[in-house]
Amino acid sequence: MLRVTLLVVVVVVIIFLVPRLLTGSRAAAPVAGSPAPDFTLASQESPAVSLKDYRGSWVVLYFYPKDQTPGCTREAHNFQVDQAKYAERHAVVLGVSVDSVDSHKKFCAKEGLNFKLLADSDGKVSRAYGSLTNLGVVKFAARHTFLIDPSGKVAKAYASVDPARHSEEVLAALDQLQKQ
């Protein structure tokens, strides 16, 4: 009888509590047409990077969970390989996670990345973009991407990302948006 009671309690916790933990700290993500929330964060290369520094250019602002994990490494590699294609489209790629600047430096050195990774250690920017997952003890950025136009507005938001093909997907969207 005790086993059955414990099993019921565990199932109830999983059904009701876990979804709240996963989404409880997430703000609403900005939608296409809305102003992109401004921010200033340190990167692995420089002390401060502000979104407003990139007005006049397209910005691919991608949030990812953790440096040096398989999916995040694959996604970063694909953005790295496509850097010349982004430059042709007057676009810059900025990666954001809650990892530290030192973690980003190691990740970039190990993986040969030369675009900016921004350290959102307190999670404020991830939260502003609806991308912070808070499990109480552990916080990380959800895998979301925002394509920001030269005027600073969100042109496209991605809430579901496949790291293996995401860079190609963003480049295709840039081509479509720049034709308009």
N, C-alpha and C. Protein backbone atom coordinates (compact mmCIF):
# COMPACT_ATOMS: atom_id res chain seq x y z
N MET A 1 0.82 -1.20 0.00
CA MET A 1 0.00 0.00 0.00
C MET A 1 0.86 1.27 0.00
N LEU A 2 1.94 1.23 0.77
CA LEU A 2 2.84 2.38 0.84
C LEU A 2 3.46 2.67 -0.52
N ARG A 3 3.81 1.61 -1.26
CA ARG A 3 4.40 1.78 -2.59
C ARG A 3 3.41 2.46 -3.54
N VAL A 4 2.18 2.05 -3.48
CA VAL A 4 1.15 2.64 -4.34
C VAL A 4 0.98 4.12 -4.01
N THR A 5 0.94 4.45 -2.74
CA THR A 5 0.79 5.84 -2.32
C THR A 5 1.97 6.68 -2.79
N LEU A 6 3.17 6.16 -2.62
CA LEU A 6 4.37 6.87 -3.09
C LEU A 6 4.35 7.06 -4.60
N LEU A 7 3.94 6.04 -5.31
CA LEU A 7 3.86 6.12 -6.77
C LEU A 7 2.86 7.20 -7.19
N VAL A 8 1.72 7.25 -6.54
CA VAL A 8 0.71 8.27 -6.84
C VAL A 8 1.28 9.67 -6.58
N VAL A 9 1.96 9.85 -5.47
CA VAL A 9 2.55 11.15 -5.14
C VAL A 9 3.58 11.56 -6.20
N VAL A 10 4.43 10.63 -6.60
CA VAL A 10 5.45 10.93 -7.62
C VAL A 10 4.78 11.32 -8.94
N VAL A 11 3.76 10.59 -9.34
CA VAL A 11 3.06 10.90 -10.59
C VAL A 11 2.42 12.29 -10.52
N VAL A 12 1.79 12.62 -9.41
CA VAL A 12 1.17 13.93 -9.24
C VAL A 12 2.22 15.04 -9.33
N VAL A 13 3.35 14.85 -8.69
CA VAL A 13 4.43 15.84 -8.74
C VAL A 13 4.90 16.02 -10.18
N ILE A 14 5.10 14.93 -10.87
CA ILE A 14 5.56 15.02 -12.26
C ILE A 14 4.54 15.74 -13.13
N ILE A 15 3.29 15.42 -12.97
CA ILE A 15 2.25 16.01 -13.82
C ILE A 15 2.05 17.50 -13.54
N PHE A 16 2.07 17.90 -12.28
CA PHE A 16 1.73 19.26 -11.92
C PHE A 16 2.91 20.18 -11.64
N LEU A 17 3.93 19.68 -11.02
CA LEU A 17 5.03 20.54 -10.58
C LEU A 17 6.09 20.75 -11.65
N VAL A 18 6.50 19.70 -12.32
CA VAL A 18 7.58 19.82 -13.30
C VAL A 18 7.25 20.81 -14.42
N PRO A 19 6.07 20.76 -15.04
CA PRO A 19 5.78 21.76 -16.08
C PRO A 19 5.84 23.20 -15.56
N ARG A 20 5.42 23.41 -14.31
CA ARG A 20 5.49 24.76 -13.74
C ARG A 20 6.93 25.20 -13.53
N LEU A 21 7.78 24.29 -13.11
CA LEU A 21 9.20 24.63 -12.94
C LEU A 21 9.83 24.98 -14.27
N LEU A 22 9.47 24.24 -15.30
CA LEU A 22 10.07 24.48 -16.61
C LEU A 22 9.62 25.78 -17.24
N THR A 23 8.40 26.20 -16.98
CA THR A 23 7.89 27.40 -17.64
C THR A 23 7.66 28.55 -16.69
N GLY A 24 7.73 28.32 -15.40
CA GLY A 24 7.38 29.33 -14.41
C GLY A 24 8.20 30.60 -14.49
N SER A 25 9.45 30.51 -14.89
CA SER A 25 10.29 31.70 -14.91
C SER A 25 10.38 32.34 -16.30
N ARG A 26 9.70 31.76 -17.26
CA ARG A 26 9.78 32.29 -18.62
C ARG A 26 8.79 33.43 -18.82
N ALA A 27 9.32 34.54 -19.27
CA ALA A 27 8.47 35.65 -19.68
C ALA A 27 8.01 35.35 -21.11
N ALA A 28 7.07 36.11 -21.59
CA ALA A 28 6.65 35.95 -22.97
C ALA A 28 7.77 36.40 -23.90
N ALA A 29 8.03 35.62 -24.92
CA ALA A 29 9.06 35.96 -25.89
C ALA A 29 8.56 37.08 -26.80
N PRO A 30 9.45 37.97 -27.22
CA PRO A 30 9.03 39.00 -28.17
C PRO A 30 8.60 38.35 -29.49
N VAL A 31 7.61 38.93 -30.12
CA VAL A 31 7.08 38.38 -31.37
C VAL A 31 7.50 39.26 -32.54
N ALA A 32 7.34 38.72 -33.73
CA ALA A 32 7.69 39.45 -34.95
C ALA A 32 6.96 40.79 -34.97
N GLY A 33 7.70 41.84 -35.26
CA GLY A 33 7.15 43.19 -35.32
C GLY A 33 7.36 43.99 -34.05
N SER A 34 7.68 43.31 -32.95
CA SER A 34 7.88 44.03 -31.68
C SER A 34 9.34 44.45 -31.54
N PRO A 35 9.60 45.50 -30.76
CA PRO A 35 10.99 45.91 -30.55
C PRO A 35 11.75 44.81 -29.81
N ALA A 36 12.96 44.55 -30.23
CA ALA A 36 13.81 43.58 -29.54
C ALA A 36 14.30 44.21 -28.24
N PRO A 37 14.15 43.51 -27.12
CA PRO A 37 14.64 44.06 -25.85
C PRO A 37 16.14 44.36 -25.93
N ASP A 38 16.52 45.58 -25.56
CA ASP A 38 17.92 45.96 -25.61
C ASP A 38 18.67 45.34 -24.44
N PHE A 39 19.96 45.21 -24.57
CA PHE A 39 20.78 44.63 -23.52
C PHE A 39 22.23 45.03 -23.73
N THR A 40 23.01 44.86 -22.69
CA THR A 40 24.46 44.98 -22.74
C THR A 40 25.02 43.81 -21.95
N LEU A 41 25.85 42.99 -22.61
CA LEU A 41 26.45 41.82 -21.99
C LEU A 41 27.92 41.73 -22.36
N ALA A 42 28.70 41.10 -21.51
CA ALA A 42 30.11 40.84 -21.81
C ALA A 42 30.20 39.65 -22.76
N SER A 43 31.22 39.68 -23.62
CA SER A 43 31.48 38.55 -24.51
C SER A 43 32.87 38.00 -24.23
N GLN A 44 33.23 36.95 -24.95
CA GLN A 44 34.55 36.36 -24.77
C GLN A 44 35.63 37.27 -25.32
N GLU A 45 35.27 38.27 -26.13
CA GLU A 45 36.25 39.15 -26.77
C GLU A 45 36.31 40.54 -26.16
N SER A 46 35.20 41.01 -25.66
CA SER A 46 35.16 42.41 -25.23
C SER A 46 34.32 42.53 -23.97
N PRO A 47 34.55 43.61 -23.22
CA PRO A 47 33.82 43.74 -21.96
C PRO A 47 32.32 43.99 -22.12
N ALA A 48 31.89 44.65 -23.17
CA ALA A 48 30.47 44.97 -23.28
C ALA A 48 30.02 45.00 -24.73
N VAL A 49 28.93 44.30 -24.98
CA VAL A 49 28.29 44.28 -26.29
C VAL A 49 26.85 44.66 -26.07
N SER A 50 26.39 45.68 -26.79
CA SER A 50 24.99 46.12 -26.71
C SER A 50 24.28 45.83 -28.01
N LEU A 51 23.03 45.47 -27.92
CA LEU A 51 22.25 45.23 -29.13
C LEU A 51 22.20 46.50 -29.97
N LYS A 52 22.09 47.66 -29.32
CA LYS A 52 21.99 48.92 -30.08
C LYS A 52 23.24 49.20 -30.90
N ASP A 53 24.37 48.56 -30.56
CA ASP A 53 25.60 48.72 -31.35
C ASP A 53 25.43 48.17 -32.77
N TYR A 54 24.44 47.33 -32.97
CA TYR A 54 24.25 46.67 -34.25
C TYR A 54 23.09 47.24 -35.06
N ARG A 55 22.57 48.40 -34.65
CA ARG A 55 21.51 49.03 -35.44
C ARG A 55 22.07 49.29 -36.83
N GLY A 56 21.26 49.01 -37.84
CA GLY A 56 21.69 49.15 -39.22
C GLY A 56 22.13 47.82 -39.81
N SER A 57 22.25 46.80 -38.98
CA SER A 57 22.60 45.44 -39.44
C SER A 57 21.53 44.46 -38.97
N TRP A 58 21.48 43.34 -39.63
CA TRP A 58 20.64 42.24 -39.17
C TRP A 58 21.39 41.53 -38.06
N VAL A 59 20.65 41.06 -37.06
CA VAL A 59 21.25 40.34 -35.94
C VAL A 59 20.55 38.99 -35.78
N VAL A 60 21.36 37.94 -35.72
CA VAL A 60 20.87 36.62 -35.38
C VAL A 60 21.24 36.43 -33.91
N LEU A 61 20.24 36.55 -33.04
CA LEU A 61 20.45 36.42 -31.60
C LEU A 61 19.96 35.03 -31.20
N TYR A 62 20.93 34.14 -30.96
CA TYR A 62 20.51 32.78 -30.64
C TYR A 62 20.89 32.42 -29.20
N PHE A 63 19.93 31.84 -28.52
CA PHE A 63 20.09 31.40 -27.14
C PHE A 63 20.35 29.90 -27.16
N TYR A 64 21.27 29.45 -26.33
CA TYR A 64 21.59 28.02 -26.28
C TYR A 64 21.86 27.61 -24.83
N PRO A 65 21.64 26.34 -24.51
CA PRO A 65 21.72 25.91 -23.11
C PRO A 65 23.11 25.93 -22.46
N LYS A 66 24.14 25.40 -23.12
CA LYS A 66 25.40 25.19 -22.40
C LYS A 66 26.58 25.05 -23.34
N ASP A 67 27.67 25.74 -23.03
CA ASP A 67 28.92 25.57 -23.78
C ASP A 67 29.37 24.12 -23.73
N GLN A 68 29.96 23.68 -24.82
CA GLN A 68 30.64 22.39 -24.93
C GLN A 68 29.73 21.18 -24.68
N THR A 69 28.47 21.32 -25.07
CA THR A 69 27.57 20.17 -25.09
C THR A 69 27.32 19.82 -26.55
N PRO A 70 26.94 18.59 -26.86
CA PRO A 70 26.87 18.17 -28.27
C PRO A 70 25.98 19.04 -29.16
N GLY A 71 24.74 19.29 -28.75
CA GLY A 71 23.84 20.08 -29.59
C GLY A 71 24.31 21.51 -29.75
N CYS A 72 24.79 22.10 -28.67
CA CYS A 72 25.24 23.49 -28.71
C CYS A 72 26.51 23.63 -29.54
N THR A 73 27.39 22.64 -29.47
CA THR A 73 28.61 22.65 -30.27
C THR A 73 28.26 22.54 -31.75
N ARG A 74 27.35 21.65 -32.08
CA ARG A 74 26.96 21.49 -33.49
C ARG A 74 26.33 22.77 -34.04
N GLU A 75 25.44 23.37 -33.26
CA GLU A 75 24.80 24.61 -33.69
C GLU A 75 25.83 25.71 -33.89
N ALA A 76 26.75 25.85 -32.94
CA ALA A 76 27.80 26.87 -33.04
C ALA A 76 28.70 26.62 -34.25
N HIS A 77 29.07 25.37 -34.50
CA HIS A 77 29.90 25.05 -35.66
C HIS A 77 29.21 25.47 -36.95
N ASN A 78 27.92 25.20 -37.05
CA ASN A 78 27.19 25.56 -38.27
C ASN A 78 27.14 27.07 -38.45
N PHE A 79 26.92 27.81 -37.37
CA PHE A 79 26.96 29.27 -37.49
C PHE A 79 28.37 29.73 -37.89
N GLN A 80 29.40 29.08 -37.36
CA GLN A 80 30.78 29.44 -37.70
C GLN A 80 31.07 29.19 -39.18
N VAL A 81 30.70 28.02 -39.67
CA VAL A 81 30.94 27.67 -41.07
C VAL A 81 30.26 28.67 -42.00
N ASP A 82 29.12 29.19 -41.59
CA ASP A 82 28.33 30.10 -42.44
C ASP A 82 28.64 31.58 -42.21
N GLN A 83 29.68 31.92 -41.48
CA GLN A 83 29.97 33.32 -41.18
C GLN A 83 30.08 34.19 -42.43
N ALA A 84 30.71 33.71 -43.48
CA ALA A 84 30.83 34.50 -44.72
C ALA A 84 29.45 34.76 -45.34
N LYS A 85 28.57 33.80 -45.25
CA LYS A 85 27.21 33.97 -45.79
C LYS A 85 26.44 35.02 -44.99
N TYR A 86 26.65 35.05 -43.68
CA TYR A 86 25.99 36.08 -42.86
C TYR A 86 26.57 37.45 -43.20
N ALA A 87 27.86 37.53 -43.38
CA ALA A 87 28.50 38.80 -43.73
C ALA A 87 27.95 39.33 -45.07
N GLU A 88 27.75 38.45 -46.04
CA GLU A 88 27.18 38.85 -47.34
C GLU A 88 25.79 39.46 -47.17
N ARG A 89 25.07 39.03 -46.16
CA ARG A 89 23.71 39.49 -45.91
C ARG A 89 23.67 40.62 -44.87
N HIS A 90 24.84 41.16 -44.54
CA HIS A 90 24.96 42.25 -43.55
C HIS A 90 24.32 41.84 -42.23
N ALA A 91 24.66 40.62 -41.80
CA ALA A 91 24.11 40.08 -40.56
C ALA A 91 25.25 39.64 -39.64
N VAL A 92 25.00 39.77 -38.36
CA VAL A 92 25.95 39.34 -37.34
C VAL A 92 25.28 38.28 -36.48
N VAL A 93 26.04 37.29 -36.06
CA VAL A 93 25.53 36.22 -35.19
C VAL A 93 26.04 36.48 -33.78
N LEU A 94 25.11 36.48 -32.82
CA LEU A 94 25.45 36.61 -31.40
C LEU A 94 24.82 35.44 -30.66
N GLY A 95 25.64 34.68 -29.96
CA GLY A 95 25.15 33.57 -29.15
C GLY A 95 25.02 34.01 -27.70
N VAL A 96 23.99 33.53 -27.01
CA VAL A 96 23.77 33.89 -25.61
C VAL A 96 23.49 32.63 -24.80
N SER A 97 24.20 32.50 -23.68
CA SER A 97 23.89 31.46 -22.69
C SER A 97 24.17 32.04 -21.31
N VAL A 98 23.79 31.30 -20.29
CA VAL A 98 24.04 31.77 -18.93
C VAL A 98 25.44 31.39 -18.45
N ASP A 99 26.24 30.80 -19.33
CA ASP A 99 27.63 30.47 -18.98
C ASP A 99 28.45 31.75 -18.81
N SER A 100 29.58 31.62 -18.14
CA SER A 100 30.46 32.76 -17.85
C SER A 100 31.30 33.13 -19.07
N VAL A 101 31.92 34.30 -19.00
CA VAL A 101 32.84 34.74 -20.04
C VAL A 101 33.98 33.74 -20.18
N ASP A 102 34.52 33.26 -19.06
CA ASP A 102 35.61 32.28 -19.11
C ASP A 102 35.18 31.00 -19.81
N SER A 103 33.98 30.55 -19.55
CA SER A 103 33.46 29.36 -20.22
C SER A 103 33.37 29.60 -21.73
N HIS A 104 32.89 30.79 -22.11
CA HIS A 104 32.80 31.14 -23.54
C HIS A 104 34.19 31.18 -24.18
N LYS A 105 35.17 31.74 -23.47
CA LYS A 105 36.54 31.79 -24.01
C LYS A 105 37.06 30.39 -24.29
N LYS A 106 36.86 29.48 -23.36
CA LYS A 106 37.32 28.10 -23.53
C LYS A 106 36.59 27.42 -24.69
N PHE A 107 35.28 27.62 -24.77
CA PHE A 107 34.46 27.04 -25.83
C PHE A 107 34.93 27.54 -27.20
N CYS A 108 35.13 28.84 -27.31
CA CYS A 108 35.57 29.42 -28.59
C CYS A 108 36.96 28.93 -28.98
N ALA A 109 37.87 28.88 -28.01
CA ALA A 109 39.23 28.41 -28.29
C ALA A 109 39.22 26.94 -28.72
N LYS A 110 38.48 26.12 -28.01
CA LYS A 110 38.44 24.69 -28.32
C LYS A 110 37.78 24.41 -29.67
N GLU A 111 36.72 25.16 -29.99
CA GLU A 111 35.92 24.87 -31.19
C GLU A 111 36.23 25.79 -32.37
N GLY A 112 37.15 26.74 -32.21
CA GLY A 112 37.52 27.63 -33.31
C GLY A 112 36.42 28.59 -33.70
N LEU A 113 35.68 29.10 -32.73
CA LEU A 113 34.58 30.03 -33.00
C LEU A 113 35.10 31.45 -32.98
N ASN A 114 34.68 32.26 -33.95
CA ASN A 114 35.15 33.65 -33.96
C ASN A 114 34.01 34.67 -33.97
N PHE A 115 32.81 34.24 -33.66
CA PHE A 115 31.73 35.21 -33.46
C PHE A 115 31.50 35.35 -31.96
N LYS A 116 30.76 36.37 -31.58
CA LYS A 116 30.62 36.69 -30.15
C LYS A 116 29.62 35.78 -29.44
N LEU A 117 30.07 35.29 -28.29
CA LEU A 117 29.19 34.58 -27.37
C LEU A 117 29.04 35.47 -26.14
N LEU A 118 27.81 35.73 -25.76
CA LEU A 118 27.53 36.68 -24.69
C LEU A 118 27.17 35.95 -23.40
N ALA A 119 27.73 36.44 -22.30
CA ALA A 119 27.54 35.83 -20.98
C ALA A 119 26.37 36.49 -20.25
N ASP A 120 25.28 35.78 -20.17
CA ASP A 120 24.08 36.24 -19.47
C ASP A 120 24.01 35.51 -18.12
N SER A 121 25.03 35.69 -17.31
CA SER A 121 25.18 34.91 -16.07
C SER A 121 24.01 35.06 -15.10
N ASP A 122 23.38 36.21 -15.08
CA ASP A 122 22.24 36.39 -14.17
C ASP A 122 20.90 36.02 -14.83
N GLY A 123 20.92 35.72 -16.12
CA GLY A 123 19.72 35.26 -16.82
C GLY A 123 18.72 36.34 -17.19
N LYS A 124 19.05 37.61 -16.97
CA LYS A 124 18.09 38.69 -17.23
C LYS A 124 17.73 38.81 -18.71
N VAL A 125 18.72 38.70 -19.58
CA VAL A 125 18.45 38.83 -21.02
C VAL A 125 17.69 37.60 -21.51
N SER A 126 18.10 36.43 -21.07
CA SER A 126 17.37 35.21 -21.44
C SER A 126 15.92 35.30 -21.00
N ARG A 127 15.68 35.83 -19.81
CA ARG A 127 14.32 36.01 -19.31
C ARG A 127 13.55 37.00 -20.18
N ALA A 128 14.19 38.12 -20.54
CA ALA A 128 13.53 39.15 -21.35
C ALA A 128 13.10 38.61 -22.71
N TYR A 129 13.83 37.60 -23.20
CA TYR A 129 13.50 37.00 -24.49
C TYR A 129 12.69 35.71 -24.34
N GLY A 130 12.17 35.46 -23.14
CA GLY A 130 11.35 34.27 -22.92
C GLY A 130 12.13 32.98 -23.06
N SER A 131 13.42 33.04 -22.82
CA SER A 131 14.28 31.89 -23.08
C SER A 131 14.92 31.28 -21.83
N LEU A 132 14.60 31.79 -20.65
CA LEU A 132 15.23 31.26 -19.44
C LEU A 132 14.43 30.07 -18.90
N THR A 133 15.12 28.97 -18.71
CA THR A 133 14.54 27.81 -18.06
C THR A 133 15.14 27.76 -16.67
N ASN A 134 14.28 27.75 -15.66
CA ASN A 134 14.73 27.78 -14.28
C ASN A 134 14.21 26.54 -13.57
N LEU A 135 15.14 25.66 -13.22
CA LEU A 135 14.77 24.44 -12.49
C LEU A 135 15.11 24.57 -11.01
N GLY A 136 15.11 25.80 -10.52
CA GLY A 136 15.43 26.06 -9.12
C GLY A 136 16.92 26.19 -8.91
N VAL A 137 17.61 25.07 -8.85
CA VAL A 137 19.06 25.07 -8.64
C VAL A 137 19.79 25.32 -9.95
N VAL A 138 19.23 24.87 -11.05
CA VAL A 138 19.88 24.97 -12.36
C VAL A 138 19.08 25.91 -13.26
N LYS A 139 19.80 26.85 -13.87
CA LYS A 139 19.19 27.75 -14.85
C LYS A 139 19.95 27.62 -16.15
N PHE A 140 19.22 27.65 -17.26
CA PHE A 140 19.87 27.63 -18.57
C PHE A 140 18.95 28.27 -19.59
N ALA A 141 19.55 28.69 -20.70
CA ALA A 141 18.78 29.29 -21.78
C ALA A 141 18.18 28.19 -22.63
N ALA A 142 16.93 28.35 -22.99
CA ALA A 142 16.29 27.43 -23.93
C ALA A 142 16.83 27.74 -25.32
N ARG A 143 16.76 26.77 -26.20
CA ARG A 143 17.28 26.94 -27.56
C ARG A 143 16.25 27.72 -28.40
N HIS A 144 16.38 29.03 -28.39
CA HIS A 144 15.52 29.94 -29.15
C HIS A 144 16.40 30.86 -29.99
N THR A 145 15.85 31.38 -31.07
CA THR A 145 16.58 32.33 -31.91
C THR A 145 15.65 33.46 -32.31
N PHE A 146 16.21 34.67 -32.37
CA PHE A 146 15.48 35.85 -32.79
C PHE A 146 16.27 36.52 -33.90
N LEU A 147 15.60 36.72 -35.02
CA LEU A 147 16.19 37.43 -36.15
C LEU A 147 15.71 38.86 -36.02
N ILE A 148 16.67 39.78 -35.81
CA ILE A 148 16.36 41.18 -35.54
C ILE A 148 16.75 42.02 -36.74
N ASP A 149 15.82 42.85 -37.21
CA ASP A 149 16.07 43.65 -38.41
C ASP A 149 16.94 44.87 -38.09
N PRO A 150 17.40 45.57 -39.12
CA PRO A 150 18.30 46.71 -38.89
C PRO A 150 17.71 47.85 -38.05
N SER A 151 16.38 47.91 -37.93
CA SER A 151 15.77 48.97 -37.12
C SER A 151 15.62 48.54 -35.65
N GLY A 152 15.98 47.29 -35.34
CA GLY A 152 15.89 46.82 -33.95
C GLY A 152 14.61 46.11 -33.60
N LYS A 153 13.84 45.71 -34.62
CA LYS A 153 12.60 44.97 -34.37
C LYS A 153 12.81 43.49 -34.66
N VAL A 154 12.08 42.67 -33.92
CA VAL A 154 12.12 41.23 -34.17
C VAL A 154 11.43 40.97 -35.51
N ALA A 155 12.17 40.36 -36.44
CA ALA A 155 11.61 40.02 -37.74
C ALA A 155 11.08 38.60 -37.76
N LYS A 156 11.72 37.74 -36.98
CA LYS A 156 11.29 36.33 -36.91
C LYS A 156 11.79 35.75 -35.59
N ALA A 157 10.96 34.90 -34.99
CA ALA A 157 11.33 34.23 -33.75
C ALA A 157 11.21 32.72 -33.95
N TYR A 158 12.19 32.00 -33.44
CA TYR A 158 12.21 30.54 -33.51
C TYR A 158 12.13 29.99 -32.09
N ALA A 159 11.05 29.28 -31.78
CA ALA A 159 10.90 28.67 -30.47
C ALA A 159 11.29 27.20 -30.49
N SER A 160 11.43 26.65 -31.66
CA SER A 160 11.82 25.25 -31.81
C SER A 160 12.98 25.21 -32.80
N VAL A 161 14.13 24.72 -32.35
CA VAL A 161 15.34 24.79 -33.15
C VAL A 161 15.98 23.42 -33.26
N ASP A 162 16.34 23.03 -34.48
CA ASP A 162 17.13 21.83 -34.72
C ASP A 162 18.57 22.30 -34.95
N PRO A 163 19.48 22.05 -34.00
CA PRO A 163 20.84 22.57 -34.11
C PRO A 163 21.55 22.16 -35.40
N ALA A 164 21.20 21.02 -35.96
CA ALA A 164 21.88 20.52 -37.15
C ALA A 164 21.58 21.34 -38.40
N ARG A 165 20.41 21.93 -38.47
CA ARG A 165 20.04 22.65 -39.70
C ARG A 165 19.60 24.10 -39.46
N HIS A 166 19.78 24.58 -38.26
CA HIS A 166 19.25 25.90 -37.91
C HIS A 166 19.92 27.04 -38.68
N SER A 167 21.22 26.99 -38.86
CA SER A 167 21.89 28.07 -39.57
C SER A 167 21.36 28.19 -41.00
N GLU A 168 21.17 27.07 -41.67
CA GLU A 168 20.60 27.10 -43.03
C GLU A 168 19.20 27.71 -43.02
N GLU A 169 18.42 27.36 -42.02
CA GLU A 169 17.06 27.86 -41.87
C GLU A 169 17.06 29.39 -41.69
N VAL A 170 17.98 29.89 -40.87
CA VAL A 170 18.06 31.33 -40.61
C VAL A 170 18.53 32.06 -41.87
N LEU A 171 19.49 31.50 -42.59
CA LEU A 171 19.96 32.13 -43.83
C LEU A 171 18.82 32.22 -44.85
N ALA A 172 18.02 31.18 -44.97
CA ALA A 172 16.88 31.20 -45.89
C ALA A 172 15.88 32.27 -45.48
N ALA A 173 15.63 32.41 -44.18
CA ALA A 173 14.71 33.44 -43.68
C ALA A 173 15.26 34.83 -43.98
N LEU A 174 16.56 35.01 -43.77
CA LEU A 174 17.19 36.31 -44.09
C LEU A 174 16.98 36.66 -45.55
N ASP A 175 17.18 35.68 -46.43
CA ASP A 175 16.99 35.92 -47.87
C ASP A 175 15.55 36.38 -48.14
N GLN A 176 14.58 35.70 -47.54
CA GLN A 176 13.17 36.06 -47.75
C GLN A 176 12.87 37.45 -47.20
N LEU A 177 13.32 37.72 -46.01
CA LEU A 177 13.03 39.01 -45.35
C LEU A 177 13.71 40.17 -46.07
N GLN A 178 14.88 39.94 -46.61
CA GLN A 178 15.60 41.03 -47.29
C GLN A 178 15.03 41.33 -48.67
N LYS A 179 14.23 40.41 -49.20
CA LYS A 179 13.56 40.65 -50.49
C LYS A 179 12.35 41.56 -50.33
N GLN A 180 11.79 41.59 -49.10
CA GLN A 180 10.56 42.34 -48.87
C GLN A 180 10.80 43.83 -48.86
